[in-house]
C-alpha atoms as a PDB file:
ATOM      1  CA  MET A   1     -12.283  24.436 -18.308  1.00  0.00           C
ATOM      2  CA  PRO A   2     -10.251  27.094 -16.335  1.00  0.00           C
ATOM      3  CA  GLN A   3      -8.708  26.166 -13.026  1.00  0.00           C
ATOM      4  CA  ASN A   4      -8.899  28.012  -9.713  1.00  0.00           C
ATOM      5  CA  THR A   5      -5.134  29.378  -9.277  1.00  0.00           C
ATOM      6  CA  ASP A   6      -5.853  30.522  -5.853  1.00  0.00           C
ATOM      7  CA  TYR A   7      -6.508  27.284  -4.334  1.00  0.00           C
ATOM      8  CA  LYS A   8      -4.908  26.880  -0.783  1.00  0.00           C
ATOM      9  CA  ALA A   9      -4.350  23.271   0.267  1.00  0.00           C
ATOM     10  CA  SER A  10      -4.046  24.146   4.157  1.00  0.00           C
ATOM     11  CA  LYS A  11      -7.380  25.814   4.081  1.00  0.00           C
ATOM     12  CA  SER A  12      -9.231  22.842   2.451  1.00  0.00           C
ATOM     13  CA  GLU A  13      -7.364  20.472   4.415  1.00  0.00           C
ATOM     14  CA  ASN A  14      -8.273  22.317   7.617  1.00  0.00           C
ATOM     15  CA  GLN A  15     -11.927  22.287   6.527  1.00  0.00           C
ATOM     16  CA  THR A  16     -11.846  18.459   5.859  1.00  0.00           C
ATOM     17  CA  ILE A  17     -10.458  17.790   9.279  1.00  0.00           C
ATOM     18  CA  ALA A  18     -12.988  19.652  11.150  1.00  0.00           C
ATOM     19  CA  TYR A  19     -15.874  17.898   8.932  1.00  0.00           C
ATOM     20  CA  LYS A  20     -14.351  14.620   9.903  1.00  0.00           C
ATOM     21  CA  GLU A  21     -14.325  15.571  13.683  1.00  0.00           C
ATOM     22  CA  ARG A  22     -18.106  16.666  13.221  1.00  0.00           C
ATOM     23  CA  LEU A  23     -18.871  13.098  12.077  1.00  0.00           C
ATOM     24  CA  ASN A  24     -18.515  11.187  15.240  1.00  0.00           C
ATOM     25  CA  SER A  25     -20.674  13.355  17.419  1.00  0.00           C
ATOM     26  CA  TRP A  26     -22.205  10.734  19.537  1.00  0.00           C
ATOM     27  CA  ALA A  27     -20.253   9.341  22.361  1.00  0.00           C
ATOM     28  CA  ILE A  28     -20.283   6.972  25.259  1.00  0.00           C
ATOM     29  CA  ALA A  29     -19.168   8.206  28.496  1.00  0.00           C
ATOM     30  CA  ARG A  30     -18.256   6.170  31.609  1.00  0.00           C
ATOM     31  CA  ILE A  31     -19.543   7.863  34.674  1.00  0.00           C
ATOM     32  CA  LEU A  32     -16.713   7.927  37.384  1.00  0.00           C
ATOM     33  CA  PRO A  33     -17.315   8.153  41.042  1.00  0.00           C
ATOM     34  CA  ASP A  34     -16.551  11.847  41.100  1.00  0.00           C
ATOM     35  CA  ALA A  35     -19.309  12.851  38.964  1.00  0.00           C
ATOM     36  CA  GLN A  36     -16.870  12.995  36.089  1.00  0.00           C
ATOM     37  CA  ARG A  37     -17.238  11.273  32.990  1.00  0.00           C
ATOM     38  CA  GLU A  38     -14.658   9.745  30.376  1.00  0.00           C
ATOM     39  CA  ILE A  39     -15.167   9.374  26.621  1.00  0.00           C
ATOM     40  CA  VAL A  40     -15.026   5.819  25.807  1.00  0.00           C
ATOM     41  CA  ALA A  41     -15.799   5.765  22.398  1.00  0.00           C
ATOM     42  CA  ARG A  42     -17.300   7.760  19.566  1.00  0.00           C
ATOM     43  CA  PHE A  43     -19.640   6.863  16.849  1.00  0.00           C
ATOM     44  CA  ARG A  44     -21.493   8.455  13.903  1.00  0.00           C
ATOM     45  CA  SER A  45     -25.040   7.577  14.546  1.00  0.00           C
ATOM     46  CA  ARG A  46     -26.762   6.974  18.009  1.00  0.00           C
ATOM     47  CA  SER A  47     -27.629   3.461  17.275  1.00  0.00           C
ATOM     48  CA  ASP A  48     -24.283   2.301  16.906  1.00  0.00           C
ATOM     49  CA  ALA A  49     -23.428   3.891  20.169  1.00  0.00           C
ATOM     50  CA  ASP A  50     -26.432   2.138  21.852  1.00  0.00           C
ATOM     51  CA  GLY A  51     -25.377  -1.182  20.145  1.00  0.00           C
ATOM     52  CA  TYR A  52     -21.898  -0.611  21.802  1.00  0.00           C
ATOM     53  CA  MET A  53     -22.902   0.567  24.999  1.00  0.00           C
ATOM     54  CA  GLN A  54     -25.087  -2.611  25.535  1.00  0.00           C
ATOM     55  CA  HIS A  55     -21.772  -4.643  24.753  1.00  0.00           C
ATOM     56  CA  LEU A  56     -19.921  -2.407  27.258  1.00  0.00           C
ATOM     57  CA  ARG A  57     -22.486  -3.168  29.889  1.00  0.00           C
ATOM     58  CA  GLN A  58     -22.343  -7.097  29.459  1.00  0.00           C
ATOM     59  CA  MET A  59     -18.583  -6.815  29.410  1.00  0.00           C
ATOM     60  CA  THR A  60     -18.073  -4.573  32.779  1.00  0.00           C
ATOM     61  CA  PRO A  61     -21.615  -4.698  34.519  1.00  0.00           C
ATOM     62  CA  SER A  62     -20.038  -2.643  37.585  1.00  0.00           C
ATOM     63  CA  ALA A  63     -19.436   0.616  35.478  1.00  0.00           C
ATOM     64  CA  SER A  64     -21.947   3.365  34.518  1.00  0.00           C
ATOM     65  CA  PHE A  65     -22.073   4.115  30.910  1.00  0.00           C
ATOM     66  CA  MET A  66     -24.206   6.620  28.946  1.00  0.00           C
ATOM     67  CA  VAL A  67     -24.827   7.928  25.448  1.00  0.00           C
ATOM     68  CA  VAL A  68     -24.305  11.516  24.975  1.00  0.00           C
ATOM     69  CA  PHE A  69     -24.364  13.954  22.210  1.00  0.00           C
ATOM     70  CA  ASP A  70     -20.678  15.659  22.171  1.00  0.00           C
ATOM     71  CA  CYS A  71     -21.702  19.279  20.577  1.00  0.00           C
ATOM     72  CA  GLN A  72     -18.938  21.084  22.519  1.00  0.00           C
ATOM     73  CA  ARG A  73     -16.188  19.007  20.987  1.00  0.00           C
ATOM     74  CA  GLU A  74     -14.780  21.524  18.533  1.00  0.00           C
ATOM     75  CA  GLU A  75     -14.785  24.231  21.311  1.00  0.00           C
ATOM     76  CA  ALA A  76     -12.788  22.116  23.567  1.00  0.00           C
ATOM     77  CA  VAL A  77     -10.202  21.624  20.873  1.00  0.00           C
ATOM     78  CA  ILE A  78      -9.687  25.220  20.156  1.00  0.00           C
END
C-alpha cells in the first residue's frame, strides 16, 4: 500500500490539540461579586458538569456557581 509522503506531523498535532480543546466545552463558572466569572472546571458532558456543581454547592454554600457552554474558548486562545 502506498504511503503518503507529504504527511506533516505538526499540522496533524495541531488538529489533535484543537480537537481535544473542543471536547471540554461545558464548564462550571464561579460568579464573582463584580459580575465577572471564573472558570472552575471543564467537562465533556453537561450531566458531568451538573453533578460536580452540586458537589461544589455542598462544599462551598456561600459561593455562586453556574454551568456554561464555553463555545468562544478557541477564539479567546488565538
